[in-house]
Amino acid sequence: MADLTQFREQTRTWLQQNCPPEMREPVRSEDDIYWGGRDARFASEAQRVWFEACRDKGYTVPAWPKEYGGAGLSPPEAKVLREEMARIGARPPLSSFGIWMLGPALLHFGTEGQKQRFLREIARGEVRWCQGYSEPGSGSDLVSLQTSGEDRGDHWLVNGQKVWTSYADKCDWIFCLVRTDRENKYRGITFMLFDMTTPGVSTKPIKLISGSSPFCETFFDDVKVPKSYGEDIPAQVGEVNRGWDVAKYLLGHEREMISGADSSERTAGIGAAMKRVAEGGGGSLDPLLRAELAQFDVDALAYACMGEKFLDEVKVGKAHPAQPNMMKYAGTELNKRRHELMMAVGGSRALEWDSEETAGGKPARDWLRTKANSIEGGTSEIMLNVVAKRILDLPGG
């Protein structure tokens, strides 16, 4: 306990010295998020200073081992760092599917060569990754995927299509599920890594009801994926034809990310803030709406506590395998409620779509975007089915 107290004091001092005031303000737009990558550009000098300070300290991935670009923090130390960053409202220095999804899979399944190359690139924000999972007709039933990889000796010849590939048009590399054996549904999938600039890879953005979208269709036409990128750096993670094991492990981390289990923004209360919004507009909140806001704050606090408990259980290997499904469902519904309440407080003004005053209709667009939360990463219906069968032990239908 004394060591943690000292670490907290040191962390608080370091954050005070290294986190610019601008990086302690709420994220206002996509430009406020730094994703890294080959063509990354900083939106401001403060964003650059904050990222580089955290990168050099290992705080982009604080719990990863130092040899892979992390800070090597213990679970209790990593928790202290999260708490101290949340206390001052510090923005994440680097957002990355490599950090949230691919990194944990590589730490668990990767070769030492893969870890040394790819994890260090992720930690330093040098490569931006996207996820090639869902296909037309293969969403919830992911193992029915048809993107194929034909063994051509020194390379795989990949053909097929993915859909809902977030930021595919902006990413450098993809971690992709490819069918390499058509005879075995589960043991015929390989988890491959390859460069998005490889000839034959193309993307097409998908527009959502919010007016914009991070999603893309991704096409593979005779894409030659080398079987190796160097000594002990195979193109596949895990064994050939056993990629479903890697995919399932990664899905747990994806659902944790979507749930916001580790996000102070997702679980923060909104009652006091919405009261100020209403009073700033010269009005007051309806008593029933005030009660809904208060109930949301209670539920958000409970969810944050559940998230901390879940993360602690994960770190010591005591988490139920289906807990990410439960967290994903609960976090999805909480986020949808958050934005519905914000729209209710904003009234007709919140429906505005184009003015500078609302940052181009950000409240309405963000509200519409949350509708996808209950689809991406596994639909809410599928999550509830898994919880019913694997946590509640209810009989299948």
Protein backbone atom coordinates (compact mmCIF):
# COMPACT_ATOMS: atom_id res chain seq x y z
CA MET A 1 0.00 0.00 0.00
CA ALA A 2 2.86 2.40 0.81
CA ASP A 3 4.42 1.68 -2.59
CA LEU A 4 1.11 2.40 -4.36
CA THR A 5 0.69 5.63 -2.42
CA GLN A 6 4.16 6.71 -3.50
CA PHE A 7 3.43 5.67 -7.10
CA ARG A 8 0.21 7.71 -7.04
CA GLU A 9 2.08 10.79 -5.85
CA GLN A 10 4.75 10.33 -8.53
CA THR A 11 2.09 9.78 -11.20
CA ARG A 12 0.16 12.85 -10.14
CA THR A 13 3.33 14.95 -10.33
CA TRP A 14 4.29 13.53 -13.72
CA LEU A 15 0.83 14.21 -15.17
CA GLN A 16 0.86 17.75 -13.81
CA GLN A 17 4.20 18.38 -15.51
CA ASN A 18 3.52 16.61 -18.81
CA CYS A 19 -0.20 16.80 -19.66
CA PRO A 20 -0.92 20.16 -21.36
CA PRO A 21 -4.09 21.97 -20.23
CA GLU A 22 -5.58 21.56 -23.72
CA MET A 23 -5.29 17.79 -23.37
CA ARG A 24 -7.43 17.90 -20.22
CA GLU A 25 -10.45 19.25 -22.07
CA PRO A 26 -13.24 16.96 -23.36
CA VAL A 27 -12.85 15.60 -26.88
CA ARG A 28 -14.84 17.81 -29.22
CA SER A 29 -14.40 16.13 -32.58
CA GLU A 30 -12.57 13.39 -34.46
CA ASP A 31 -9.59 15.75 -34.83
CA ASP A 32 -9.10 15.65 -31.06
CA ILE A 33 -8.33 11.92 -31.24
CA TYR A 34 -4.81 10.83 -32.18
CA TRP A 35 -4.75 7.46 -33.96
CA GLY A 36 -1.12 7.33 -35.05
CA GLY A 37 -0.05 5.63 -38.28
CA ARG A 38 2.27 6.26 -41.20
CA ASP A 39 0.45 9.40 -42.36
CA ALA A 40 -0.66 10.68 -38.95
CA ARG A 41 -0.77 14.42 -38.37
CA PHE A 42 -1.11 16.14 -35.00
CA ALA A 43 -4.07 18.46 -34.63
CA SER A 44 -2.12 20.72 -32.28
CA GLU A 45 1.24 21.18 -30.61
CA ALA A 46 -0.33 20.14 -27.30
CA GLN A 47 -1.48 16.85 -28.83
CA ARG A 48 2.05 16.16 -30.06
CA VAL A 49 3.64 17.01 -26.69
CA TRP A 50 1.19 14.79 -24.80
CA PHE A 51 1.58 11.82 -27.14
CA GLU A 52 5.37 11.95 -27.20
CA ALA A 53 5.61 12.28 -23.42
CA CYS A 54 3.41 9.20 -22.94
CA ARG A 55 5.14 7.27 -25.73
CA ASP A 56 8.56 7.84 -24.17
CA LYS A 57 7.24 6.90 -20.71
CA GLY A 58 5.49 3.76 -22.02
CA TYR A 59 2.10 5.19 -21.09
CA THR A 60 0.42 4.58 -24.46
CA VAL A 61 0.29 0.93 -23.30
CA PRO A 62 1.22 1.16 -19.60
CA ALA A 63 0.52 -2.49 -18.69
CA TRP A 64 2.52 -3.96 -21.59
CA PRO A 65 6.06 -5.21 -20.86
CA LYS A 66 8.82 -2.66 -21.32
CA GLU A 67 10.50 -4.75 -24.03
CA TYR A 68 7.40 -4.24 -26.22
CA GLY A 69 7.07 -0.50 -25.71
CA GLY A 70 5.02 -0.44 -22.52
CA ALA A 71 5.75 0.79 -19.02
CA GLY A 72 5.57 -2.65 -17.40
CA LEU A 73 3.13 -1.46 -14.74
CA SER A 74 1.51 -3.98 -12.43
CA PRO A 75 -2.32 -4.20 -12.51
CA PRO A 76 -2.66 -2.05 -9.34
CA GLU A 77 -0.26 0.55 -10.77
CA ALA A 78 -2.10 0.62 -14.09
CA LYS A 79 -5.34 1.18 -12.18
CA VAL A 80 -3.78 4.10 -10.29
CA LEU A 81 -2.64 5.64 -13.58
CA ARG A 82 -6.19 5.33 -15.02
CA GLU A 83 -7.63 6.95 -11.91
CA GLU A 84 -5.18 9.83 -11.95
CA MET A 85 -5.70 10.48 -15.66
CA ALA A 86 -9.47 10.44 -15.10
CA ARG A 87 -9.09 12.82 -12.14
CA ILE A 88 -7.68 15.57 -14.38
CA GLY A 89 -9.72 14.58 -17.45
CA ALA A 90 -6.63 13.67 -19.47
CA ARG A 91 -7.34 12.45 -22.98
CA PRO A 92 -5.89 9.13 -24.14
CA PRO A 93 -2.55 9.96 -25.79
CA LEU A 94 -3.13 7.35 -28.51
CA SER A 95 -6.28 5.57 -29.68
CA SER A 96 -5.67 2.33 -31.55
CA PHE A 97 -7.33 -0.94 -32.49
CA GLY A 98 -3.78 -2.25 -32.19
CA ILE A 99 -3.82 -1.37 -28.48
CA TRP A 100 -7.38 -2.47 -27.73
CA MET A 101 -7.62 -5.65 -29.81
CA LEU A 102 -4.60 -6.89 -31.77
CA GLY A 103 -2.09 -6.18 -29.00
CA PRO A 104 -3.71 -8.47 -26.40
CA ALA A 105 -4.02 -11.22 -29.03
CA LEU A 106 -0.34 -10.93 -29.94
CA LEU A 107 0.70 -10.94 -26.29
CA HIS A 108 -1.21 -14.20 -25.86
CA PHE A 109 -0.67 -15.99 -29.19
CA GLY A 110 2.17 -14.20 -30.99
CA THR A 111 5.73 -15.36 -31.58
CA GLU A 112 8.56 -13.41 -30.01
CA GLY A 113 9.40 -12.00 -33.45
CA GLN A 114 5.82 -10.79 -33.94
CA LYS A 115 5.78 -9.19 -30.50
CA GLN A 116 9.07 -7.39 -31.02
CA ARG A 117 8.00 -5.96 -34.36
CA PHE A 118 4.27 -5.34 -34.20
CA LEU A 119 3.77 -4.52 -30.52
CA ARG A 120 6.54 -1.93 -30.51
CA GLU A 121 5.10 -0.32 -33.65
CA ILE A 122 1.66 -0.19 -32.02
CA ALA A 123 2.98 1.27 -28.75
CA ARG A 124 4.85 4.01 -30.63
CA GLY A 125 1.88 4.84 -32.86
CA GLU A 126 3.84 4.00 -36.01
CA VAL A 127 1.25 1.71 -37.63
CA ARG A 128 -2.54 2.03 -37.59
CA TRP A 129 -4.53 -1.22 -37.71
CA CYS A 130 -8.05 -2.16 -38.80
CA GLN A 131 -10.06 -5.34 -38.26
CA GLY A 132 -11.21 -7.63 -41.08
CA TYR A 133 -13.93 -9.77 -39.50
CA SER A 134 -17.52 -9.18 -40.68
CA GLU A 135 -18.61 -9.99 -44.24
CA PRO A 136 -21.87 -9.60 -46.16
CA GLY A 137 -23.95 -12.46 -44.78
CA SER A 138 -21.38 -13.30 -42.09
CA GLY A 139 -21.92 -10.96 -39.17
CA SER A 140 -23.34 -12.70 -36.11
CA ASP A 141 -22.52 -16.07 -37.74
CA LEU A 142 -18.90 -15.06 -38.22
CA VAL A 143 -17.58 -18.59 -38.83
CA SER A 144 -19.55 -18.68 -42.09
CA LEU A 145 -17.06 -16.19 -43.60
CA GLN A 146 -16.07 -16.79 -47.23
CA THR A 147 -12.93 -14.67 -47.75
CA SER A 148 -10.46 -17.33 -48.87
CA GLY A 149 -6.70 -17.84 -48.76
CA GLU A 150 -5.16 -20.21 -51.28
CA ASP A 151 -1.75 -21.69 -50.42
CA ARG A 152 0.69 -20.72 -53.17
CA GLY A 153 3.89 -21.95 -51.54
CA ASP A 154 5.64 -18.84 -50.27
CA HIS A 155 2.44 -16.76 -50.04
CA TRP A 156 -1.33 -16.87 -49.61
CA LEU A 157 -3.58 -15.65 -52.43
CA VAL A 158 -6.48 -13.91 -50.68
CA ASN A 159 -9.84 -13.12 -52.31
CA GLY A 160 -13.09 -11.89 -50.81
CA GLN A 161 -14.82 -8.99 -49.12
CA LYS A 162 -15.18 -7.56 -45.62
CA VAL A 163 -17.77 -5.03 -44.46
CA TRP A 164 -18.06 -2.56 -41.56
CA THR A 165 -14.27 -2.33 -41.48
CA SER A 166 -13.73 0.70 -39.24
CA TYR A 167 -11.28 3.27 -40.69
CA ALA A 168 -10.09 0.83 -43.38
CA ASP A 169 -9.52 3.78 -45.72
CA LYS A 170 -7.14 5.36 -43.19
CA CYS A 171 -5.30 2.32 -41.83
CA ASP A 172 -1.89 0.88 -42.68
CA TRP A 173 -2.35 -2.82 -41.83
CA ILE A 174 -5.25 -5.21 -41.24
CA PHE A 175 -5.71 -8.23 -38.98
CA CYS A 176 -8.00 -10.42 -41.02
CA LEU A 177 -9.89 -13.70 -40.77
CA VAL A 178 -9.36 -15.81 -43.88
CA ARG A 179 -10.76 -19.25 -44.69
CA THR A 180 -7.87 -21.54 -45.58
CA ASP A 181 -9.75 -24.86 -45.31
CA ARG A 182 -13.30 -25.14 -46.66
CA GLU A 183 -13.89 -28.59 -45.15
CA ASN A 184 -13.79 -27.50 -41.51
CA LYS A 185 -16.02 -24.61 -40.37
CA TYR A 186 -14.16 -23.77 -37.17
CA ARG A 187 -10.72 -25.25 -37.79
CA GLY A 188 -10.37 -23.85 -41.28
CA ILE A 189 -9.86 -20.15 -40.47
CA THR A 190 -6.48 -18.42 -40.31
CA PHE A 191 -5.80 -15.09 -38.56
CA MET A 192 -3.60 -13.11 -40.98
CA LEU A 193 -1.72 -9.82 -40.83
CA PHE A 194 -1.01 -7.85 -43.99
CA ASP A 195 -0.36 -4.38 -45.36
CA MET A 196 -3.34 -2.41 -46.72
CA THR A 197 -1.15 -1.06 -49.53
CA THR A 198 -0.68 -4.58 -50.91
CA PRO A 199 -1.87 -4.68 -54.57
CA GLY A 200 -5.45 -5.93 -54.78
CA VAL A 201 -6.67 -4.31 -51.53
CA SER A 202 -9.29 -1.58 -51.96
CA THR A 203 -11.82 0.17 -49.73
CA LYS A 204 -15.13 2.03 -50.11
CA PRO A 205 -16.57 4.16 -47.28
CA ILE A 206 -20.11 3.44 -46.00
CA LYS A 207 -22.26 6.44 -45.05
CA LEU A 208 -24.46 6.15 -41.94
CA ILE A 209 -27.64 8.00 -40.94
CA SER A 210 -25.45 10.38 -38.90
CA GLY A 211 -24.10 11.76 -42.19
CA SER A 212 -20.63 10.30 -41.77
CA SER A 213 -19.09 6.99 -40.85
CA PRO A 214 -15.82 5.31 -39.90
CA PHE A 215 -16.99 2.16 -41.68
CA CYS A 216 -15.87 0.80 -45.04
CA GLU A 217 -16.32 -2.08 -47.40
CA THR A 218 -12.96 -3.75 -48.00
CA PHE A 219 -12.18 -5.84 -51.07
CA PHE A 220 -9.41 -8.37 -51.70
CA ASP A 221 -8.68 -9.28 -55.32
CA ASP A 222 -5.80 -11.74 -55.73
CA VAL A 223 -3.94 -10.22 -52.78
CA LYS A 224 -0.56 -11.88 -52.28
CA VAL A 225 0.11 -12.18 -48.55
CA PRO A 226 3.68 -13.40 -47.85
CA LYS A 227 3.83 -16.23 -45.35
CA SER A 228 6.62 -14.52 -43.42
CA TYR A 229 7.86 -10.98 -42.76
CA GLY A 230 11.21 -12.12 -41.39
CA GLU A 231 12.70 -14.53 -38.93
CA ASP A 232 10.05 -15.71 -36.45
CA ILE A 233 7.51 -13.23 -37.93
CA PRO A 234 4.88 -15.37 -39.69
CA ALA A 235 1.98 -13.65 -41.42
CA GLN A 236 -0.52 -15.63 -39.35
CA VAL A 237 -1.05 -15.34 -35.61
CA GLY A 238 -1.31 -18.74 -33.97
CA GLU A 239 -1.48 -21.86 -36.10
CA VAL A 240 -2.73 -22.05 -39.68
CA ASN A 241 -6.42 -23.10 -39.65
CA ARG A 242 -6.67 -22.34 -35.90
CA GLY A 243 -7.39 -18.62 -36.25
CA TRP A 244 -10.82 -18.99 -34.68
CA ASP A 245 -9.10 -19.46 -31.31
CA VAL A 246 -7.34 -16.11 -31.79
CA ALA A 247 -10.51 -14.47 -33.13
CA LYS A 248 -12.58 -15.45 -30.08
CA TYR A 249 -9.91 -14.18 -27.70
CA LEU A 250 -9.73 -10.87 -29.56
CA LEU A 251 -13.54 -10.49 -29.61
CA GLY A 252 -13.53 -10.43 -25.82
CA HIS A 253 -11.20 -7.42 -25.87
CA GLU A 254 -13.20 -5.74 -28.64
CA ARG A 255 -16.40 -6.04 -26.61
CA GLU A 256 -14.60 -4.69 -23.57
CA MET A 257 -13.49 -1.71 -25.68
CA ILE A 258 -16.99 -1.06 -27.09
CA SER A 259 -18.55 -1.40 -23.63
CA GLY A 260 -16.36 1.40 -22.32
CA ALA A 261 -15.49 -0.69 -19.26
CA ASP A 262 -12.23 1.21 -19.02
CA SER A 263 -13.63 4.58 -20.12
CA SER A 264 -14.27 7.39 -17.65
CA GLU A 265 -16.09 9.33 -20.40
CA ARG A 266 -18.61 6.52 -20.97
CA THR A 267 -19.38 6.04 -17.28
CA ALA A 268 -19.31 9.68 -16.11
CA GLY A 269 -22.47 11.17 -14.65
CA ILE A 270 -24.42 13.73 -16.67
CA GLY A 271 -27.08 15.05 -14.30
CA ALA A 272 -25.23 18.15 -13.12
CA ALA A 273 -23.95 18.97 -16.60
CA MET A 274 -27.39 18.68 -18.18
CA LYS A 275 -28.88 20.86 -15.45
CA ARG A 276 -26.34 23.57 -16.35
CA VAL A 277 -27.21 23.19 -20.05
CA ALA A 278 -30.88 23.73 -19.34
CA GLU A 279 -30.27 26.71 -17.07
CA GLY A 280 -27.88 28.20 -19.63
CA GLY A 281 -30.68 28.17 -22.16
CA GLY A 282 -32.97 30.04 -19.81
CA GLY A 283 -35.11 27.03 -18.94
CA SER A 284 -35.38 24.41 -16.24
CA LEU A 285 -35.59 20.64 -16.33
CA ASP A 286 -38.88 18.81 -16.11
CA PRO A 287 -39.03 16.88 -12.78
CA LEU A 288 -39.47 13.56 -14.58
CA LEU A 289 -36.44 14.26 -16.75
CA ARG A 290 -34.44 15.24 -13.67
CA ALA A 291 -35.34 11.88 -12.15
CA GLU A 292 -34.18 10.08 -15.32
CA LEU A 293 -30.87 11.94 -15.21
CA ALA A 294 -30.39 11.03 -11.56
CA GLN A 295 -31.16 7.39 -12.30
CA PHE A 296 -28.65 7.44 -15.15
CA ASP A 297 -25.95 8.80 -12.84
CA VAL A 298 -26.63 5.98 -10.35
CA ASP A 299 -26.51 3.38 -13.13
CA ALA A 300 -23.32 4.88 -14.61
CA LEU A 301 -21.61 4.71 -11.21
CA ALA A 302 -22.73 1.11 -10.75
CA TYR A 303 -21.46 0.22 -14.22
CA ALA A 304 -18.10 1.88 -13.52
CA CYS A 305 -17.77 -0.21 -10.34
CA MET A 306 -18.72 -3.36 -12.25
CA GLY A 307 -16.15 -2.45 -14.91
CA GLU A 308 -13.38 -2.06 -12.34
CA LYS A 309 -14.31 -5.41 -10.80
CA PHE A 310 -14.31 -7.07 -14.20
CA LEU A 311 -10.92 -5.62 -15.18
CA ASP A 312 -9.42 -6.72 -11.86
CA GLU A 313 -10.78 -10.25 -12.40
CA VAL A 314 -9.37 -10.35 -15.93
CA LYS A 315 -5.90 -9.42 -14.69
CA VAL A 316 -5.83 -12.27 -12.17
CA GLY A 317 -7.46 -14.82 -14.47
CA LYS A 318 -10.74 -15.11 -12.57
CA ALA A 319 -13.13 -13.51 -15.05
CA HIS A 320 -15.96 -15.59 -16.53
CA PRO A 321 -15.35 -16.10 -20.28
CA ALA A 322 -18.77 -14.58 -21.06
CA GLN A 323 -18.30 -11.44 -18.94
CA PRO A 324 -17.20 -9.35 -21.96
CA ASN A 325 -20.61 -10.11 -23.52
CA MET A 326 -22.37 -8.86 -20.40
CA MET A 327 -20.21 -5.74 -20.23
CA LYS A 328 -20.67 -5.05 -23.94
CA TYR A 329 -24.46 -5.22 -23.68
CA ALA A 330 -24.67 -3.11 -20.53
CA GLY A 331 -22.19 -0.53 -21.84
CA THR A 332 -24.03 -0.29 -25.16
CA GLU A 333 -27.36 0.40 -23.49
CA LEU A 334 -25.80 2.89 -21.09
CA ASN A 335 -24.21 4.87 -23.92
CA LYS A 336 -27.46 4.95 -25.90
CA ARG A 337 -29.31 6.23 -22.81
CA ARG A 338 -26.64 8.89 -22.27
CA HIS A 339 -27.15 10.40 -25.72
CA GLU A 340 -30.93 10.06 -25.64
CA LEU A 341 -31.01 12.04 -22.40
CA MET A 342 -28.67 14.66 -23.82
CA MET A 343 -31.04 15.06 -26.76
CA ALA A 344 -34.03 15.30 -24.41
CA VAL A 345 -32.38 18.07 -22.40
CA GLY A 346 -31.35 19.92 -25.57
CA GLY A 347 -34.89 19.90 -26.95
CA SER A 348 -35.45 21.14 -30.50
CA ARG A 349 -32.07 22.92 -30.47
CA ALA A 350 -30.32 19.56 -30.18
CA LEU A 351 -31.86 18.51 -33.50
CA GLU A 352 -30.00 21.28 -35.35
CA TRP A 353 -27.72 19.82 -38.02
CA ASP A 354 -25.37 22.38 -39.56
CA SER A 355 -24.54 25.42 -37.45
CA GLU A 356 -21.20 26.34 -35.91
CA GLU A 357 -22.93 26.71 -32.55
CA THR A 358 -23.56 22.95 -32.39
CA ALA A 359 -20.27 22.03 -34.12
CA GLY A 360 -22.10 20.89 -37.22
CA GLY A 361 -24.91 19.12 -35.37
CA LYS A 362 -22.61 17.08 -33.15
CA PRO A 363 -25.26 16.21 -30.50
CA ALA A 364 -27.66 14.82 -33.09
CA ARG A 365 -24.97 13.05 -35.09
CA ASP A 366 -23.47 11.46 -31.97
CA TRP A 367 -26.94 10.32 -30.88
CA LEU A 368 -27.57 8.70 -34.25
CA ARG A 369 -24.12 7.08 -34.17
CA THR A 370 -24.91 5.28 -30.90
CA LYS A 371 -27.56 3.22 -32.71
CA ALA A 372 -24.70 1.21 -34.20
CA ASN A 373 -23.39 0.32 -30.72
CA SER A 374 -25.98 -2.46 -30.43
CA ILE A 375 -24.80 -4.02 -33.73
CA GLU A 376 -21.02 -3.63 -33.86
CA GLY A 377 -18.89 -6.15 -32.03
CA GLY A 378 -21.86 -8.53 -31.77
CA THR A 379 -25.54 -7.59 -31.69
CA SER A 380 -27.30 -7.01 -28.38
CA GLU A 381 -29.51 -10.03 -29.07
CA ILE A 382 -26.47 -12.28 -29.45
CA MET A 383 -24.92 -10.84 -26.27
CA LEU A 384 -28.09 -11.58 -24.30
CA ASN A 385 -28.21 -15.12 -25.68
CA VAL A 386 -24.63 -15.74 -24.56
CA VAL A 387 -25.30 -14.29 -21.09
CA ALA A 388 -28.45 -16.41 -20.74
CA LYS A 389 -26.70 -19.64 -21.70
CA ARG A 390 -23.22 -19.25 -20.25
CA ILE A 391 -23.71 -17.09 -17.15
CA LEU A 392 -27.33 -17.79 -16.12
CA ASP A 393 -27.22 -21.43 -17.35
CA LEU A 394 -30.65 -21.11 -18.97
CA PRO A 395 -31.62 -23.77 -21.51
CA GLY A 396 -31.19 -22.96 -25.21
CA GLY A 397 -34.20 -22.19 -27.39
